[in-house]
Amino acid sequence: MLIVHVFVHVKPECVEAFAGASLENARHSIEEPGIARFDVIQQIDDPTRFVLVEVYRDADAPARHKETAHYAQWRDAVAEMMAEPRSSVKY
């Protein structure tokens, strides 16, 4: 199992749009056989900060996820919404 936390800082005017696009991506992602869990969480004291908690069943699943149409749609939709480049930590 591989768990990835993706840290995203969103422009204030994009918070709602980012949340909507990310939740839509998560809904499709959990249908992938290689994904056990995909959560979108928002920081309470700074709503411009999100963490995507991605739980993969194997080490190859992230690459397969990035080949899906819903990931590409999310990636393109949110690219200009970020206040800084996203970062991640793998567990």
N, C-alpha and C. Protein backbone atom coordinates (compact mmCIF):
# COMPACT_ATOMS: atom_id res chain seq x y z
N MET A 1 0.84 -1.18 0.00
CA MET A 1 0.00 0.00 0.00
C MET A 1 0.89 1.24 0.00
N LEU A 2 0.45 2.24 -0.73
CA LEU A 2 1.17 3.52 -0.82
C LEU A 2 0.17 4.63 -0.51
N ILE A 3 0.54 5.50 0.40
CA ILE A 3 -0.33 6.63 0.76
C ILE A 3 0.40 7.91 0.39
N VAL A 4 -0.30 8.78 -0.33
CA VAL A 4 0.28 10.05 -0.75
C VAL A 4 -0.58 11.18 -0.20
N HIS A 5 0.06 12.14 0.44
CA HIS A 5 -0.60 13.37 0.87
C HIS A 5 -0.13 14.46 -0.07
N VAL A 6 -1.08 15.06 -0.78
CA VAL A 6 -0.77 16.14 -1.72
C VAL A 6 -1.24 17.44 -1.08
N PHE A 7 -0.33 18.37 -0.89
CA PHE A 7 -0.62 19.64 -0.24
C PHE A 7 -0.82 20.71 -1.31
N VAL A 8 -1.97 21.38 -1.23
CA VAL A 8 -2.33 22.37 -2.24
C VAL A 8 -2.73 23.68 -1.57
N HIS A 9 -2.15 24.77 -2.03
CA HIS A 9 -2.52 26.12 -1.59
C HIS A 9 -3.21 26.79 -2.78
N VAL A 10 -4.48 27.14 -2.59
CA VAL A 10 -5.32 27.65 -3.67
C VAL A 10 -5.50 29.16 -3.53
N LYS A 11 -5.61 29.84 -4.64
CA LYS A 11 -5.92 31.27 -4.61
C LYS A 11 -7.29 31.46 -3.94
N PRO A 12 -7.44 32.49 -3.10
CA PRO A 12 -8.70 32.68 -2.36
C PRO A 12 -9.95 32.70 -3.24
N GLU A 13 -9.85 33.30 -4.41
CA GLU A 13 -11.02 33.39 -5.28
C GLU A 13 -11.34 32.06 -5.98
N CYS A 14 -10.51 31.07 -5.80
CA CYS A 14 -10.69 29.78 -6.48
C CYS A 14 -11.08 28.64 -5.54
N VAL A 15 -11.27 28.92 -4.27
CA VAL A 15 -11.51 27.87 -3.28
C VAL A 15 -12.70 26.98 -3.67
N GLU A 16 -13.83 27.58 -3.97
CA GLU A 16 -15.03 26.79 -4.28
C GLU A 16 -14.84 25.98 -5.56
N ALA A 17 -14.28 26.58 -6.58
CA ALA A 17 -14.07 25.87 -7.84
C ALA A 17 -13.07 24.73 -7.67
N PHE A 18 -12.01 24.96 -6.89
CA PHE A 18 -11.03 23.90 -6.64
C PHE A 18 -11.67 22.75 -5.88
N ALA A 19 -12.42 23.07 -4.85
CA ALA A 19 -13.08 22.02 -4.07
C ALA A 19 -14.01 21.20 -4.95
N GLY A 20 -14.81 21.85 -5.77
CA GLY A 20 -15.73 21.14 -6.65
C GLY A 20 -15.01 20.23 -7.63
N ALA A 21 -13.97 20.74 -8.27
CA ALA A 21 -13.22 19.93 -9.24
C ALA A 21 -12.52 18.76 -8.54
N SER A 22 -12.00 19.01 -7.35
CA SER A 22 -11.29 17.95 -6.63
C SER A 22 -12.23 16.87 -6.12
N LEU A 23 -13.40 17.26 -5.66
CA LEU A 23 -14.38 16.26 -5.22
C LEU A 23 -14.86 15.41 -6.39
N GLU A 24 -15.02 16.02 -7.55
CA GLU A 24 -15.42 15.27 -8.74
C GLU A 24 -14.33 14.27 -9.13
N ASN A 25 -13.09 14.70 -9.08
CA ASN A 25 -11.97 13.81 -9.36
C ASN A 25 -11.94 12.66 -8.35
N ALA A 26 -12.16 12.96 -7.09
CA ALA A 26 -12.14 11.93 -6.05
C ALA A 26 -13.24 10.91 -6.27
N ARG A 27 -14.43 11.35 -6.67
CA ARG A 27 -15.55 10.43 -6.92
C ARG A 27 -15.19 9.41 -8.00
N HIS A 28 -14.52 9.87 -9.04
CA HIS A 28 -14.11 8.95 -10.11
C HIS A 28 -12.90 8.11 -9.69
N SER A 29 -12.01 8.70 -8.92
CA SER A 29 -10.79 8.00 -8.52
C SER A 29 -11.08 6.77 -7.68
N ILE A 30 -12.04 6.86 -6.78
CA ILE A 30 -12.31 5.70 -5.92
C ILE A 30 -12.94 4.54 -6.70
N GLU A 31 -13.31 4.77 -7.94
CA GLU A 31 -13.80 3.69 -8.79
C GLU A 31 -12.66 2.93 -9.46
N GLU A 32 -11.45 3.46 -9.40
CA GLU A 32 -10.29 2.79 -9.99
C GLU A 32 -9.91 1.59 -9.11
N PRO A 33 -9.59 0.45 -9.72
CA PRO A 33 -9.25 -0.73 -8.92
C PRO A 33 -8.00 -0.55 -8.06
N GLY A 34 -7.08 0.32 -8.46
CA GLY A 34 -5.84 0.51 -7.71
C GLY A 34 -5.93 1.52 -6.58
N ILE A 35 -7.10 2.13 -6.40
CA ILE A 35 -7.26 3.15 -5.35
C ILE A 35 -8.19 2.64 -4.26
N ALA A 36 -7.69 2.62 -3.03
CA ALA A 36 -8.49 2.18 -1.88
C ALA A 36 -9.26 3.33 -1.26
N ARG A 37 -8.69 4.53 -1.35
CA ARG A 37 -9.32 5.70 -0.72
C ARG A 37 -8.77 6.96 -1.38
N PHE A 38 -9.63 7.99 -1.46
CA PHE A 38 -9.20 9.26 -2.05
C PHE A 38 -10.01 10.35 -1.37
N ASP A 39 -9.39 11.07 -0.45
CA ASP A 39 -10.09 12.09 0.33
C ASP A 39 -9.59 13.49 -0.03
N VAL A 40 -10.51 14.43 -0.01
CA VAL A 40 -10.20 15.84 -0.19
C VAL A 40 -10.52 16.52 1.13
N ILE A 41 -9.49 17.05 1.80
CA ILE A 41 -9.73 17.71 3.08
C ILE A 41 -9.25 19.16 2.99
N GLN A 42 -9.98 20.01 3.71
CA GLN A 42 -9.73 21.45 3.66
C GLN A 42 -9.38 21.92 5.07
N GLN A 43 -8.35 22.73 5.16
CA GLN A 43 -7.90 23.25 6.45
C GLN A 43 -8.94 24.20 7.03
N ILE A 44 -9.28 24.04 8.29
CA ILE A 44 -10.33 24.85 8.92
C ILE A 44 -9.91 26.31 9.09
N ASP A 45 -8.70 26.53 9.60
CA ASP A 45 -8.29 27.90 9.89
C ASP A 45 -7.71 28.64 8.68
N ASP A 46 -7.54 27.94 7.56
CA ASP A 46 -7.10 28.56 6.31
C ASP A 46 -7.74 27.79 5.16
N PRO A 47 -8.96 28.17 4.76
CA PRO A 47 -9.69 27.42 3.75
C PRO A 47 -9.05 27.42 2.36
N THR A 48 -7.95 28.13 2.17
CA THR A 48 -7.24 28.09 0.89
C THR A 48 -6.27 26.91 0.82
N ARG A 49 -6.18 26.16 1.91
CA ARG A 49 -5.23 25.03 1.96
C ARG A 49 -5.99 23.71 2.02
N PHE A 50 -5.58 22.80 1.14
CA PHE A 50 -6.20 21.48 1.02
C PHE A 50 -5.13 20.41 1.11
N VAL A 51 -5.57 19.22 1.49
CA VAL A 51 -4.73 18.03 1.41
C VAL A 51 -5.55 16.97 0.69
N LEU A 52 -4.96 16.38 -0.33
CA LEU A 52 -5.57 15.24 -1.00
C LEU A 52 -4.89 14.01 -0.40
N VAL A 53 -5.68 13.12 0.18
CA VAL A 53 -5.16 11.91 0.79
C VAL A 53 -5.49 10.76 -0.16
N GLU A 54 -4.46 10.25 -0.81
CA GLU A 54 -4.63 9.24 -1.84
C GLU A 54 -4.04 7.92 -1.33
N VAL A 55 -4.86 6.89 -1.24
CA VAL A 55 -4.40 5.59 -0.75
C VAL A 55 -4.45 4.60 -1.92
N TYR A 56 -3.27 4.17 -2.32
CA TYR A 56 -3.14 3.27 -3.47
C TYR A 56 -2.88 1.85 -2.99
N ARG A 57 -3.40 0.88 -3.74
CA ARG A 57 -3.25 -0.53 -3.39
C ARG A 57 -1.86 -1.07 -3.72
N ASP A 58 -1.18 -0.44 -4.69
CA ASP A 58 0.17 -0.89 -5.06
C ASP A 58 0.96 0.29 -5.63
N ALA A 59 2.24 0.07 -5.80
CA ALA A 59 3.14 1.16 -6.22
C ALA A 59 2.90 1.63 -7.65
N ASP A 60 2.26 0.81 -8.48
CA ASP A 60 2.00 1.19 -9.86
C ASP A 60 0.70 1.99 -10.03
N ALA A 61 -0.15 1.96 -9.04
CA ALA A 61 -1.47 2.60 -9.14
C ALA A 61 -1.40 4.11 -9.38
N PRO A 62 -0.46 4.85 -8.78
CA PRO A 62 -0.42 6.30 -9.05
C PRO A 62 -0.19 6.61 -10.54
N ALA A 63 0.67 5.85 -11.19
CA ALA A 63 0.91 6.08 -12.61
C ALA A 63 -0.34 5.77 -13.43
N ARG A 64 -1.03 4.70 -13.08
CA ARG A 64 -2.28 4.38 -13.79
C ARG A 64 -3.33 5.46 -13.56
N HIS A 65 -3.38 5.98 -12.33
CA HIS A 65 -4.32 7.07 -12.00
C HIS A 65 -4.07 8.29 -12.89
N LYS A 66 -2.80 8.61 -13.09
CA LYS A 66 -2.46 9.80 -13.87
C LYS A 66 -2.73 9.63 -15.36
N GLU A 67 -3.07 8.43 -15.79
CA GLU A 67 -3.42 8.17 -17.19
C GLU A 67 -4.92 8.29 -17.44
N THR A 68 -5.72 8.50 -16.39
CA THR A 68 -7.18 8.54 -16.55
C THR A 68 -7.65 9.90 -17.06
N ALA A 69 -8.80 9.87 -17.71
CA ALA A 69 -9.38 11.11 -18.23
C ALA A 69 -9.79 12.05 -17.10
N HIS A 70 -10.31 11.49 -15.99
CA HIS A 70 -10.74 12.38 -14.90
C HIS A 70 -9.56 13.07 -14.23
N TYR A 71 -8.42 12.39 -14.14
CA TYR A 71 -7.24 13.06 -13.59
C TYR A 71 -6.79 14.19 -14.51
N ALA A 72 -6.72 13.91 -15.81
CA ALA A 72 -6.29 14.94 -16.77
C ALA A 72 -7.23 16.14 -16.73
N GLN A 73 -8.52 15.88 -16.61
CA GLN A 73 -9.50 16.97 -16.55
C GLN A 73 -9.27 17.79 -15.28
N TRP A 74 -9.05 17.12 -14.13
CA TRP A 74 -8.79 17.83 -12.88
C TRP A 74 -7.51 18.64 -12.99
N ARG A 75 -6.43 18.01 -13.44
CA ARG A 75 -5.12 18.67 -13.54
C ARG A 75 -5.22 19.96 -14.37
N ASP A 76 -5.89 19.87 -15.51
CA ASP A 76 -6.01 21.05 -16.38
C ASP A 76 -6.92 22.11 -15.78
N ALA A 77 -7.99 21.66 -15.13
CA ALA A 77 -8.96 22.61 -14.55
C ALA A 77 -8.37 23.41 -13.39
N VAL A 78 -7.53 22.78 -12.58
CA VAL A 78 -7.04 23.45 -11.36
C VAL A 78 -5.67 24.10 -11.52
N ALA A 79 -5.04 23.91 -12.65
CA ALA A 79 -3.67 24.41 -12.84
C ALA A 79 -3.51 25.89 -12.49
N GLU A 80 -4.42 26.72 -12.92
CA GLU A 80 -4.32 28.16 -12.68
C GLU A 80 -4.93 28.59 -11.34
N MET A 81 -5.51 27.64 -10.60
CA MET A 81 -6.14 27.96 -9.32
C MET A 81 -5.15 27.95 -8.16
N MET A 82 -3.98 27.40 -8.37
CA MET A 82 -3.03 27.22 -7.27
C MET A 82 -2.21 28.47 -7.03
N ALA A 83 -2.07 28.80 -5.74
CA ALA A 83 -1.28 29.96 -5.34
C ALA A 83 0.22 29.67 -5.41
N GLU A 84 0.56 28.39 -5.38
CA GLU A 84 1.95 27.94 -5.48
C GLU A 84 1.93 26.49 -5.94
N PRO A 85 3.04 25.97 -6.41
CA PRO A 85 3.04 24.58 -6.87
C PRO A 85 2.67 23.61 -5.72
N ARG A 86 1.91 22.58 -6.06
CA ARG A 86 1.53 21.60 -5.05
C ARG A 86 2.75 20.75 -4.70
N SER A 87 2.72 20.17 -3.52
CA SER A 87 3.79 19.29 -3.08
C SER A 87 3.17 18.02 -2.51
N SER A 88 3.97 16.98 -2.37
CA SER A 88 3.43 15.74 -1.84
C SER A 88 4.45 15.02 -0.97
N VAL A 89 3.92 14.16 -0.11
CA VAL A 89 4.74 13.29 0.73
C VAL A 89 4.18 11.89 0.59
N LYS A 90 5.07 10.92 0.38
CA LYS A 90 4.66 9.53 0.22
C LYS A 90 4.93 8.75 1.50
N TYR A 91 3.99 7.90 1.86
CA TYR A 91 4.10 7.07 3.06
C TYR A 91 3.95 5.62 2.68
